[in-house]
Amino acid sequence: VCYKANAVSYSIAKRIIKTKYISLVNLIMDREVVKELIQGDLNTKNLKYELDKITNDSYREQLFTDYFELEKKLGGAGASDKTAKLIVDITKNETN
């Protein structure tokens, strides 16, 4: 995950928003699953290093494992449909 913003905007946002991560994946997992290269950390050397890591089989396998865990946390395929049906059922039961 790579972000580079206007220095003033970033400075203001950093003072207002207090969070460990920027990436939604990392926020949900509450740990670094994907590397976040933010502002000064986003440079050619760091970007190349992270891209090289992705080509490593064991690193990539860990990424897939982490994404599978994320999918389970989110409820897997059809989570939105299941939630919508649950809301409809609850609403129907409350009106009866």
PDB file of N, CA and C in Angstrom:
ATOM      1  N   VAL A   1       0.854  -1.159   0.000  1.00  0.00           N
ATOM      2  CA  VAL A   1       0.000   0.000   0.000  1.00  0.00           C
ATOM      3  C   VAL A   1       0.900   1.221   0.000  1.00  0.00           C
ATOM      4  N   CYS A   2       0.693   2.090  -0.964  1.00  0.00           N
ATOM      5  CA  CYS A   2       1.557   3.262  -1.120  1.00  0.00           C
ATOM      6  C   CYS A   2       0.718   4.533  -1.129  1.00  0.00           C
ATOM      7  N   TYR A   3       1.105   5.469  -0.280  1.00  0.00           N
ATOM      8  CA  TYR A   3       0.431   6.762  -0.230  1.00  0.00           C
ATOM      9  C   TYR A   3       1.464   7.870  -0.120  1.00  0.00           C
ATOM     10  N   LYS A   4       1.292   8.872  -0.942  1.00  0.00           N
ATOM     11  CA  LYS A   4       2.111  10.072  -0.837  1.00  0.00           C
ATOM     12  C   LYS A   4       1.181  11.246  -1.112  1.00  0.00           C
ATOM     13  N   ALA A   5       0.994  12.076  -0.107  1.00  0.00           N
ATOM     14  CA  ALA A   5       0.063  13.199  -0.213  1.00  0.00           C
ATOM     15  C   ALA A   5       0.826  14.509  -0.115  1.00  0.00           C
ATOM     16  N   ASN A   6       0.119  15.574  -0.352  1.00  0.00           N
ATOM     17  CA  ASN A   6       0.665  16.898  -0.134  1.00  0.00           C
ATOM     18  C   ASN A   6       1.135  16.967   1.317  1.00  0.00           C
ATOM     19  N   ALA A   7       2.327  17.513   1.549  1.00  0.00           N
ATOM     20  CA  ALA A   7       2.929  17.532   2.882  1.00  0.00           C
ATOM     21  C   ALA A   7       2.039  18.217   3.913  1.00  0.00           C
ATOM     22  N   VAL A   8       1.409  19.307   3.532  1.00  0.00           N
ATOM     23  CA  VAL A   8       0.533  20.026   4.464  1.00  0.00           C
ATOM     24  C   VAL A   8      -0.695  19.179   4.799  1.00  0.00           C
ATOM     25  N   SER A   9      -1.318  18.598   3.783  1.00  0.00           N
ATOM     26  CA  SER A   9      -2.496  17.751   3.998  1.00  0.00           C
ATOM     27  C   SER A   9      -2.153  16.565   4.889  1.00  0.00           C
ATOM     28  N   TYR A  10      -1.016  15.939   4.621  1.00  0.00           N
ATOM     29  CA  TYR A  10      -0.593  14.787   5.419  1.00  0.00           C
ATOM     30  C   TYR A  10      -0.364  15.195   6.869  1.00  0.00           C
ATOM     31  N   SER A  11       0.288  16.320   7.079  1.00  0.00           N
ATOM     32  CA  SER A  11       0.579  16.805   8.429  1.00  0.00           C
ATOM     33  C   SER A  11      -0.708  17.068   9.210  1.00  0.00           C
ATOM     34  N   ILE A  12      -1.675  17.684   8.556  1.00  0.00           N
ATOM     35  CA  ILE A  12      -2.964  17.957   9.203  1.00  0.00           C
ATOM     36  C   ILE A  12      -3.680  16.647   9.520  1.00  0.00           C
ATOM     37  N   ALA A  13      -3.748  15.748   8.542  1.00  0.00           N
ATOM     38  CA  ALA A  13      -4.435  14.467   8.735  1.00  0.00           C
ATOM     39  C   ALA A  13      -3.791  13.657   9.855  1.00  0.00           C
ATOM     40  N   LYS A  14      -2.480  13.661   9.913  1.00  0.00           N
ATOM     41  CA  LYS A  14      -1.768  12.886  10.932  1.00  0.00           C
ATOM     42  C   LYS A  14      -2.091  13.396  12.339  1.00  0.00           C
ATOM     43  N   ARG A  15      -2.309  14.692  12.468  1.00  0.00           N
ATOM     44  CA  ARG A  15      -2.654  15.264  13.777  1.00  0.00           C
ATOM     45  C   ARG A  15      -4.101  14.955  14.171  1.00  0.00           C
ATOM     46  N   ILE A  16      -4.969  14.857  13.185  1.00  0.00           N
ATOM     47  CA  ILE A  16      -6.392  14.637  13.450  1.00  0.00           C
ATOM     48  C   ILE A  16      -6.718  13.156  13.608  1.00  0.00           C
ATOM     49  N   ILE A  17      -6.158  12.329  12.734  1.00  0.00           N
ATOM     50  CA  ILE A  17      -6.498  10.909  12.691  1.00  0.00           C
ATOM     51  C   ILE A  17      -5.409  10.106  13.385  1.00  0.00           C
ATOM     52  N   LYS A  18      -5.797   9.423  14.444  1.00  0.00           N
ATOM     53  CA  LYS A  18      -4.852   8.591  15.197  1.00  0.00           C
ATOM     54  C   LYS A  18      -5.200   7.125  14.943  1.00  0.00           C
ATOM     55  N   THR A  19      -4.445   6.482  14.100  1.00  0.00           N
ATOM     56  CA  THR A  19      -4.668   5.079  13.786  1.00  0.00           C
ATOM     57  C   THR A  19      -3.331   4.410  13.523  1.00  0.00           C
ATOM     58  N   LYS A  20      -3.266   3.111  13.831  1.00  0.00           N
ATOM     59  CA  LYS A  20      -2.010   2.383  13.618  1.00  0.00           C
ATOM     60  C   LYS A  20      -1.712   2.180  12.144  1.00  0.00           C
ATOM     61  N   TYR A  21      -2.771   2.028  11.353  1.00  0.00           N
ATOM     62  CA  TYR A  21      -2.603   1.688   9.943  1.00  0.00           C
ATOM     63  C   TYR A  21      -3.489   2.565   9.069  1.00  0.00           C
ATOM     64  N   ILE A  22      -3.172   2.576   7.794  1.00  0.00           N
ATOM     65  CA  ILE A  22      -3.993   3.271   6.806  1.00  0.00           C
ATOM     66  C   ILE A  22      -4.781   2.251   5.983  1.00  0.00           C
ATOM     67  N   SER A  23      -4.152   1.141   5.671  1.00  0.00           N
ATOM     68  CA  SER A  23      -4.756   0.105   4.840  1.00  0.00           C
ATOM     69  C   SER A  23      -5.935  -0.555   5.555  1.00  0.00           C
ATOM     70  N   LEU A  24      -7.045  -0.715   4.840  1.00  0.00           N
ATOM     71  CA  LEU A  24      -8.219  -1.367   5.402  1.00  0.00           C
ATOM     72  C   LEU A  24      -7.900  -2.797   5.836  1.00  0.00           C
ATOM     73  N   VAL A  25      -7.097  -3.493   5.059  1.00  0.00           N
ATOM     74  CA  VAL A  25      -6.694  -4.865   5.406  1.00  0.00           C
ATOM     75  C   VAL A  25      -6.005  -4.877   6.764  1.00  0.00           C
ATOM     76  N   ASN A  26      -5.024  -4.010   6.953  1.00  0.00           N
ATOM     77  CA  ASN A  26      -4.282  -3.960   8.211  1.00  0.00           C
ATOM     78  C   ASN A  26      -5.169  -3.510   9.371  1.00  0.00           C
ATOM     79  N   LEU A  27      -6.062  -2.575   9.119  1.00  0.00           N
ATOM     80  CA  LEU A  27      -6.973  -2.110  10.167  1.00  0.00           C
ATOM     81  C   LEU A  27      -7.875  -3.238  10.650  1.00  0.00           C
ATOM     82  N   ILE A  28      -8.436  -3.995   9.722  1.00  0.00           N
ATOM     83  CA  ILE A  28      -9.330  -5.097  10.082  1.00  0.00           C
ATOM     84  C   ILE A  28      -8.565  -6.195  10.812  1.00  0.00           C
ATOM     85  N   MET A  29      -7.386  -6.518  10.324  1.00  0.00           N
ATOM     86  CA  MET A  29      -6.595  -7.597  10.931  1.00  0.00           C
ATOM     87  C   MET A  29      -5.888  -7.138  12.209  1.00  0.00           C
ATOM     88  N   ASP A  30      -5.808  -5.848  12.427  1.00  0.00           N
ATOM     89  CA  ASP A  30      -5.135  -5.249  13.578  1.00  0.00           C
ATOM     90  C   ASP A  30      -3.662  -5.653  13.659  1.00  0.00           C
ATOM     91  N   ARG A  31      -3.076  -5.788  12.502  1.00  0.00           N
ATOM     92  CA  ARG A  31      -1.635  -6.059  12.375  1.00  0.00           C
ATOM     93  C   ARG A  31      -1.239  -5.778  10.933  1.00  0.00           C
ATOM     94  N   GLU A  32       0.053  -5.671  10.706  1.00  0.00           N
ATOM     95  CA  GLU A  32       0.505  -5.381   9.346  1.00  0.00           C
ATOM     96  C   GLU A  32       0.514  -6.654   8.504  1.00  0.00           C
ATOM     97  N   VAL A  33      -0.434  -6.747   7.606  1.00  0.00           N
ATOM     98  CA  VAL A  33      -0.499  -7.838   6.633  1.00  0.00           C
ATOM     99  C   VAL A  33       0.191  -7.385   5.355  1.00  0.00           C
ATOM    100  N   VAL A  34      -0.125  -6.177   4.939  1.00  0.00           N
ATOM    101  CA  VAL A  34       0.513  -5.587   3.763  1.00  0.00           C
ATOM    102  C   VAL A  34       1.352  -4.400   4.208  1.00  0.00           C
ATOM    103  N   LYS A  35       2.492  -4.251   3.604  1.00  0.00           N
ATOM    104  CA  LYS A  35       3.398  -3.162   3.952  1.00  0.00           C
ATOM    105  C   LYS A  35       2.779  -1.837   3.538  1.00  0.00           C
ATOM    106  N   GLU A  36       2.886  -0.858   4.405  1.00  0.00           N
ATOM    107  CA  GLU A  36       2.400   0.481   4.111  1.00  0.00           C
ATOM    108  C   GLU A  36       3.594   1.408   3.930  1.00  0.00           C
ATOM    109  N   LEU A  37       3.757   1.892   2.723  1.00  0.00           N
ATOM    110  CA  LEU A  37       4.809   2.864   2.430  1.00  0.00           C
ATOM    111  C   LEU A  37       4.142   4.232   2.348  1.00  0.00           C
ATOM    112  N   ILE A  38       4.337   5.022   3.399  1.00  0.00           N
ATOM    113  CA  ILE A  38       3.650   6.298   3.539  1.00  0.00           C
ATOM    114  C   ILE A  38       4.666   7.438   3.506  1.00  0.00           C
ATOM    115  N   GLN A  39       4.334   8.471   2.739  1.00  0.00           N
ATOM    116  CA  GLN A  39       5.137   9.691   2.630  1.00  0.00           C
ATOM    117  C   GLN A  39       6.613   9.376   2.374  1.00  0.00           C
ATOM    118  N   GLY A  40       7.498   9.685   3.305  1.00  0.00           N
ATOM    119  CA  GLY A  40       8.939   9.515   3.106  1.00  0.00           C
ATOM    120  C   GLY A  40       9.379   8.072   2.940  1.00  0.00           C
ATOM    121  N   ASP A  41       8.570   7.128   3.462  1.00  0.00           N
ATOM    122  CA  ASP A  41       8.908   5.706   3.296  1.00  0.00           C
ATOM    123  C   ASP A  41       8.656   5.223   1.873  1.00  0.00           C
ATOM    124  N   LEU A  42       7.865   5.977   1.118  1.00  0.00           N
ATOM    125  CA  LEU A  42       7.590   5.615  -0.275  1.00  0.00           C
ATOM    126  C   LEU A  42       8.698   6.186  -1.153  1.00  0.00           C
ATOM    127  N   ASN A  43       9.682   5.342  -1.395  1.00  0.00           N
ATOM    128  CA  ASN A  43      10.788   5.721  -2.272  1.00  0.00           C
ATOM    129  C   ASN A  43      11.156   4.512  -3.123  1.00  0.00           C
ATOM    130  N   THR A  44      11.986   4.723  -4.103  1.00  0.00           N
ATOM    131  CA  THR A  44      12.337   3.664  -5.053  1.00  0.00           C
ATOM    132  C   THR A  44      12.938   2.454  -4.358  1.00  0.00           C
ATOM    133  N   LYS A  45      13.843   2.683  -3.432  1.00  0.00           N
ATOM    134  CA  LYS A  45      14.514   1.579  -2.730  1.00  0.00           C
ATOM    135  C   LYS A  45      13.503   0.714  -1.964  1.00  0.00           C
ATOM    136  N   ASN A  46      12.647   1.340  -1.164  1.00  0.00           N
ATOM    137  CA  ASN A  46      11.668   0.585  -0.374  1.00  0.00           C
ATOM    138  C   ASN A  46      10.628  -0.100  -1.249  1.00  0.00           C
ATOM    139  N   LEU A  47      10.191   0.583  -2.294  1.00  0.00           N
ATOM    140  CA  LEU A  47       9.206   0.001  -3.197  1.00  0.00           C
ATOM    141  C   LEU A  47       9.772  -1.221  -3.902  1.00  0.00           C
ATOM    142  N   LYS A  48      10.994  -1.124  -4.394  1.00  0.00           N
ATOM    143  CA  LYS A  48      11.639  -2.265  -5.051  1.00  0.00           C
ATOM    144  C   LYS A  48      11.790  -3.426  -4.078  1.00  0.00           C
ATOM    145  N   TYR A  49      12.194  -3.130  -2.853  1.00  0.00           N
ATOM    146  CA  TYR A  49      12.372  -4.173  -1.840  1.00  0.00           C
ATOM    147  C   TYR A  49      11.057  -4.914  -1.589  1.00  0.00           C
ATOM    148  N   GLU A  50       9.971  -4.171  -1.427  1.00  0.00           N
ATOM    149  CA  GLU A  50       8.670  -4.791  -1.162  1.00  0.00           C
ATOM    150  C   GLU A  50       8.163  -5.583  -2.368  1.00  0.00           C
ATOM    151  N   LEU A  51       8.381  -5.072  -3.569  1.00  0.00           N
ATOM    152  CA  LEU A  51       7.978  -5.806  -4.773  1.00  0.00           C
ATOM    153  C   LEU A  51       8.784  -7.089  -4.927  1.00  0.00           C
ATOM    154  N   ASP A  52      10.071  -7.037  -4.597  1.00  0.00           N
ATOM    155  CA  ASP A  52      10.904  -8.243  -4.643  1.00  0.00           C
ATOM    156  C   ASP A  52      10.408  -9.289  -3.647  1.00  0.00           C
ATOM    157  N   LYS A  53       9.961  -8.850  -2.474  1.00  0.00           N
ATOM    158  CA  LYS A  53       9.458  -9.788  -1.465  1.00  0.00           C
ATOM    159  C   LYS A  53       8.239 -10.549  -1.979  1.00  0.00           C
ATOM    160  N   ILE A  54       7.399  -9.884  -2.740  1.00  0.00           N
ATOM    161  CA  ILE A  54       6.184 -10.519  -3.244  1.00  0.00           C
ATOM    162  C   ILE A  54       6.506 -11.687  -4.171  1.00  0.00           C
ATOM    163  N   THR A  55       7.650 -11.639  -4.833  1.00  0.00           N
ATOM    164  CA  THR A  55       8.029 -12.736  -5.727  1.00  0.00           C
ATOM    165  C   THR A  55       8.574 -13.935  -4.960  1.00  0.00           C
ATOM    166  N   ASN A  56       8.809 -13.776  -3.667  1.00  0.00           N
ATOM    167  CA  ASN A  56       9.292 -14.867  -2.826  1.00  0.00           C
ATOM    168  C   ASN A  56       8.111 -15.778  -2.471  1.00  0.00           C
ATOM    169  N   ASP A  57       8.242 -17.073  -2.766  1.00  0.00           N
ATOM    170  CA  ASP A  57       7.132 -18.007  -2.578  1.00  0.00           C
ATOM    171  C   ASP A  57       6.611 -18.053  -1.142  1.00  0.00           C
ATOM    172  N   SER A  58       7.499 -18.113  -0.158  1.00  0.00           N
ATOM    173  CA  SER A  58       7.036 -18.226   1.231  1.00  0.00           C
ATOM    174  C   SER A  58       6.338 -16.942   1.688  1.00  0.00           C
ATOM    175  N   TYR A  59       6.838 -15.799   1.253  1.00  0.00           N
ATOM    176  CA  TYR A  59       6.206 -14.524   1.598  1.00  0.00           C
ATOM    177  C   TYR A  59       4.814 -14.441   0.968  1.00  0.00           C
ATOM    178  N   ARG A  60       4.737 -14.805  -0.300  1.00  0.00           N
ATOM    179  CA  ARG A  60       3.457 -14.760  -1.020  1.00  0.00           C
ATOM    180  C   ARG A  60       2.461 -15.747  -0.396  1.00  0.00           C
ATOM    181  N   GLU A  61       2.948 -16.907   0.014  1.00  0.00           N
ATOM    182  CA  GLU A  61       2.083 -17.896   0.657  1.00  0.00           C
ATOM    183  C   GLU A  61       1.512 -17.334   1.966  1.00  0.00           C
ATOM    184  N   GLN A  62       2.339 -16.617   2.722  1.00  0.00           N
ATOM    185  CA  GLN A  62       1.863 -16.000   3.964  1.00  0.00           C
ATOM    186  C   GLN A  62       0.802 -14.940   3.668  1.00  0.00           C
ATOM    187  N   LEU A  63       0.994 -14.182   2.589  1.00  0.00           N
ATOM    188  CA  LEU A  63      -0.016 -13.196   2.188  1.00  0.00           C
ATOM    189  C   LEU A  63      -1.359 -13.869   1.911  1.00  0.00           C
ATOM    190  N   PHE A  64      -1.333 -14.984   1.175  1.00  0.00           N
ATOM    191  CA  PHE A  64      -2.568 -15.710   0.870  1.00  0.00           C
ATOM    192  C   PHE A  64      -3.221 -16.229   2.147  1.00  0.00           C
ATOM    193  N   THR A  65      -2.409 -16.732   3.070  1.00  0.00           N
ATOM    194  CA  THR A  65      -2.927 -17.216   4.348  1.00  0.00           C
ATOM    195  C   THR A  65      -3.601 -16.081   5.114  1.00  0.00           C
ATOM    196  N   ASP A  66      -2.947 -14.936   5.139  1.00  0.00           N
ATOM    197  CA  ASP A  66      -3.507 -13.775   5.831  1.00  0.00           C
ATOM    198  C   ASP A  66      -4.798 -13.297   5.166  1.00  0.00           C
ATOM    199  N   TYR A  67      -4.844 -13.311   3.842  1.00  0.00           N
ATOM    200  CA  TYR A  67      -6.060 -12.894   3.140  1.00  0.00           C
ATOM    201  C   TYR A  67      -7.201 -13.888   3.376  1.00  0.00           C
ATOM    202  N   PHE A  68      -6.879 -15.173   3.503  1.00  0.00           N
ATOM    203  CA  PHE A  68      -7.903 -16.174   3.817  1.00  0.00           C
ATOM    204  C   PHE A  68      -8.469 -15.901   5.213  1.00  0.00           C
ATOM    205  N   GLU A  69      -7.586 -15.573   6.160  1.00  0.00           N
ATOM    206  CA  GLU A  69      -8.024 -15.230   7.516  1.00  0.00           C
ATOM    207  C   GLU A  69      -8.906 -13.977   7.493  1.00  0.00           C
ATOM    208  N   LEU A  70      -8.535 -13.007   6.676  1.00  0.00           N
ATOM    209  CA  LEU A  70      -9.331 -11.788   6.522  1.00  0.00           C
ATOM    210  C   LEU A  70     -10.724 -12.125   5.989  1.00  0.00           C
ATOM    211  N   GLU A  71     -10.771 -12.986   4.983  1.00  0.00           N
ATOM    212  CA  GLU A  71     -12.058 -13.385   4.407  1.00  0.00           C
ATOM    213  C   GLU A  71     -12.944 -14.028   5.474  1.00  0.00           C
ATOM    214  N   LYS A  72     -12.354 -14.864   6.330  1.00  0.00           N
ATOM    215  CA  LYS A  72     -13.129 -15.491   7.406  1.00  0.00           C
ATOM    216  C   LYS A  72     -13.649 -14.436   8.381  1.00  0.00           C
ATOM    217  N   LYS A  73     -12.815 -13.450   8.700  1.00  0.00           N
ATOM    218  CA  LYS A  73     -13.245 -12.375   9.604  1.00  0.00           C
ATOM    219  C   LYS A  73     -14.410 -11.590   9.012  1.00  0.00           C
ATOM    220  N   LEU A  74     -14.396 -11.418   7.715  1.00  0.00           N
ATOM    221  CA  LEU A  74     -15.439 -10.648   7.037  1.00  0.00           C
ATOM    222  C   LEU A  74     -16.690 -11.471   6.759  1.00  0.00           C
ATOM    223  N   GLY A  75     -16.636 -12.756   7.032  1.00  0.00           N
ATOM    224  CA  GLY A  75     -17.811 -13.591   6.854  1.00  0.00           C
ATOM    225  C   GLY A  75     -17.822 -14.362   5.556  1.00  0.00           C
ATOM    226  N   GLY A  76     -16.752 -14.331   4.804  1.00  0.00           N
ATOM    227  CA  GLY A  76     -16.662 -15.106   3.576  1.00  0.00           C
ATOM    228  C   GLY A  76     -17.576 -14.580   2.485  1.00  0.00           C
ATOM    229  N   ALA A  77     -17.678 -15.362   1.438  1.00  0.00           N
ATOM    230  CA  ALA A  77     -18.492 -14.977   0.287  1.00  0.00           C
ATOM    231  C   ALA A  77     -19.955 -14.859   0.691  1.00  0.00           C
ATOM    232  N   GLY A  78     -20.608 -13.841   0.189  1.00  0.00           N
ATOM    233  CA  GLY A  78     -22.030 -13.651   0.453  1.00  0.00           C
ATOM    234  C   GLY A  78     -22.345 -13.010   1.793  1.00  0.00           C
ATOM    235  N   ALA A  79     -21.342 -12.470   2.467  1.00  0.00           N
ATOM    236  CA  ALA A  79     -21.564 -11.873   3.790  1.00  0.00           C
ATOM    237  C   ALA A  79     -22.584 -10.741   3.732  1.00  0.00           C
ATOM    238  N   SER A  80     -22.535  -9.929   2.695  1.00  0.00           N
ATOM    239  CA  SER A  80     -23.488  -8.813   2.573  1.00  0.00           C
ATOM    240  C   SER A  80     -24.912  -9.325   2.420  1.00  0.00           C
ATOM    241  N   ASP A  81     -25.096 -10.359   1.586  1.00  0.00           N
ATOM    242  CA  ASP A  81     -26.431 -10.935   1.400  1.00  0.00           C
ATOM    243  C   ASP A  81     -26.946 -11.546   2.697  1.00  0.00           C
ATOM    244  N   LYS A  82     -26.079 -12.260   3.406  1.00  0.00           N
ATOM    245  CA  LYS A  82     -26.477 -12.875   4.678  1.00  0.00           C
ATOM    246  C   LYS A  82     -26.895 -11.809   5.683  1.00  0.00           C
ATOM    247  N   THR A  83     -26.140 -10.732   5.746  1.00  0.00           N
ATOM    248  CA  THR A  83     -26.450  -9.645   6.674  1.00  0.00           C
ATOM    249  C   THR A  83     -27.774  -8.986   6.308  1.00  0.00           C
ATOM    250  N   ALA A  84     -27.989  -8.732   5.023  1.00  0.00           N
ATOM    251  CA  ALA A  84     -29.243  -8.115   4.572  1.00  0.00           C
ATOM    252  C   ALA A  84     -30.437  -9.002   4.919  1.00  0.00           C
ATOM    253  N   LYS A  85     -30.317 -10.306   4.686  1.00  0.00           N
ATOM    254  CA  LYS A  85     -31.415 -11.233   5.006  1.00  0.00           C
ATOM    255  C   LYS A  85     -31.680 -11.259   6.506  1.00  0.00           C
ATOM    256  N   LEU A  86     -30.624 -11.228   7.297  1.00  0.00           N
ATOM    257  CA  LEU A  86     -30.770 -11.211   8.750  1.00  0.00           C
ATOM    258  C   LEU A  86     -31.511  -9.957   9.206  1.00  0.00           C
ATOM    259  N   ILE A  87     -31.175  -8.823   8.625  1.00  0.00           N
ATOM    260  CA  ILE A  87     -31.847  -7.563   8.971  1.00  0.00           C
ATOM    261  C   ILE A  87     -33.325  -7.632   8.598  1.00  0.00           C
ATOM    262  N   VAL A  88     -33.623  -8.169   7.425  1.00  0.00           N
ATOM    263  CA  VAL A  88     -35.021  -8.309   6.996  1.00  0.00           C
ATOM    264  C   VAL A  88     -35.771  -9.225   7.955  1.00  0.00           C
ATOM    265  N   ASP A  89     -35.172 -10.351   8.327  1.00  0.00           N
ATOM    266  CA  ASP A  89     -35.817 -11.294   9.249  1.00  0.00           C
ATOM    267  C   ASP A  89     -36.076 -10.648  10.608  1.00  0.00           C
ATOM    268  N   ILE A  90     -35.094  -9.926  11.122  1.00  0.00           N
ATOM    269  CA  ILE A  90     -35.255  -9.261  12.418  1.00  0.00           C
ATOM    270  C   ILE A  90     -36.368  -8.223  12.341  1.00  0.00           C
ATOM    271  N   THR A  91     -36.392  -7.470  11.255  1.00  0.00           N
ATOM    272  CA  THR A  91     -37.421  -6.444  11.070  1.00  0.00           C
ATOM    273  C   THR A  91     -38.804  -7.075  11.002  1.00  0.00           C
ATOM    274  N   LYS A  92     -38.928  -8.190  10.280  1.00  0.00           N
ATOM    275  CA  LYS A  92     -40.217  -8.883  10.180  1.00  0.00           C
ATOM    276  C   LYS A  92     -40.671  -9.374  11.548  1.00  0.00           C
ATOM    277  N   ASN A  93     -39.750  -9.936  12.326  1.00  0.00           N
ATOM    278  CA  ASN A  93     -40.094 -10.462  13.650  1.00  0.00           C
ATOM    279  C   ASN A  93     -40.525  -9.349  14.605  1.00  0.00           C
ATOM    280  N   GLU A  94     -39.923  -8.171  14.473  1.00  0.00           N
ATOM    281  CA  GLU A  94     -40.268  -7.056  15.355  1.00  0.00           C
ATOM    282  C   GLU A  94     -41.636  -6.473  15.023  1.00  0.00           C
ATOM    283  N   THR A  95     -42.062  -6.586  13.770  1.00  0.00           N
ATOM    284  CA  THR A  95     -43.363  -6.040  13.370  1.00  0.00           C
ATOM    285  C   THR A  95     -44.493  -7.023  13.643  1.00  0.00           C
ATOM    286  N   ASN A  96     -44.179  -8.260  13.927  1.00  0.00           N
ATOM    287  CA  ASN A  96     -45.219  -9.279  14.199  1.00  0.00           C
ATOM    288  C   ASN A  96     -45.516  -9.388  15.668  1.00  0.00           C
TER     289      ASN A  96
END
